[in-house]
Amino acid sequence: MQTGILKANAEEKDGKFPFFTCNENPKRINTHAFDSEAILIAGNGNFGHINYYKGKFNAYQWTYVLTRKTDLINMKYAKYFFEAFFKESIKDVIVGGVIPFIKLSNIQNFKITYFNPIIQNCLINLLDKFDDYTKQVTGLLPKDIELRETQYQYYLKKLLEFN
């Protein structure tokens, strides 16, 4: 696990590569520091926001970049697991005042429970479809969009719980 080294203002509007900052949507930049499958976690501001990316990219100095350490955990499964449980696990340990932030140890101490790879892949397929459904919001009322997101969060947690 590591962080990017760039400042957020390193963005280049028409850059070739995604540039992950603490915003929900990546910016662009012309240089890449990483070429891997990774989970990117916002370390300040929008702390705990999770992105998944596979390919060449760059990252802001407060963006944590997690790459694969073992073949036992699919990175996309880990992304969904972080989405389901990470923010809740750190809500009492957030540091800072005006701009809250999380520490590297908050991420290092987060434990991922996992199924065998076959079940992980089945869950990923299901959650990918559910994620796509949740994002299809064109023409929906704000309340309907909120209900879809609530439903998604509910099933995400239920599918990944072990009890």
Foldseek 3Di string as FASTA:
>chain_A
DAAFDAAPVQADQPAPAFEAELDLGTGHHPDFDDAAWWWKAQFKQNGLRIDTDHGTHGYHRRIDTDHDDDPFDDRLLVRLQSVQPLCVQCVVPWDDDPMTGDDPVSVVPDDADDDGPVLSVVVSVVLVVLVVVLPPCVPHDPVVNVVSVVVSSVVSNVSRDDD
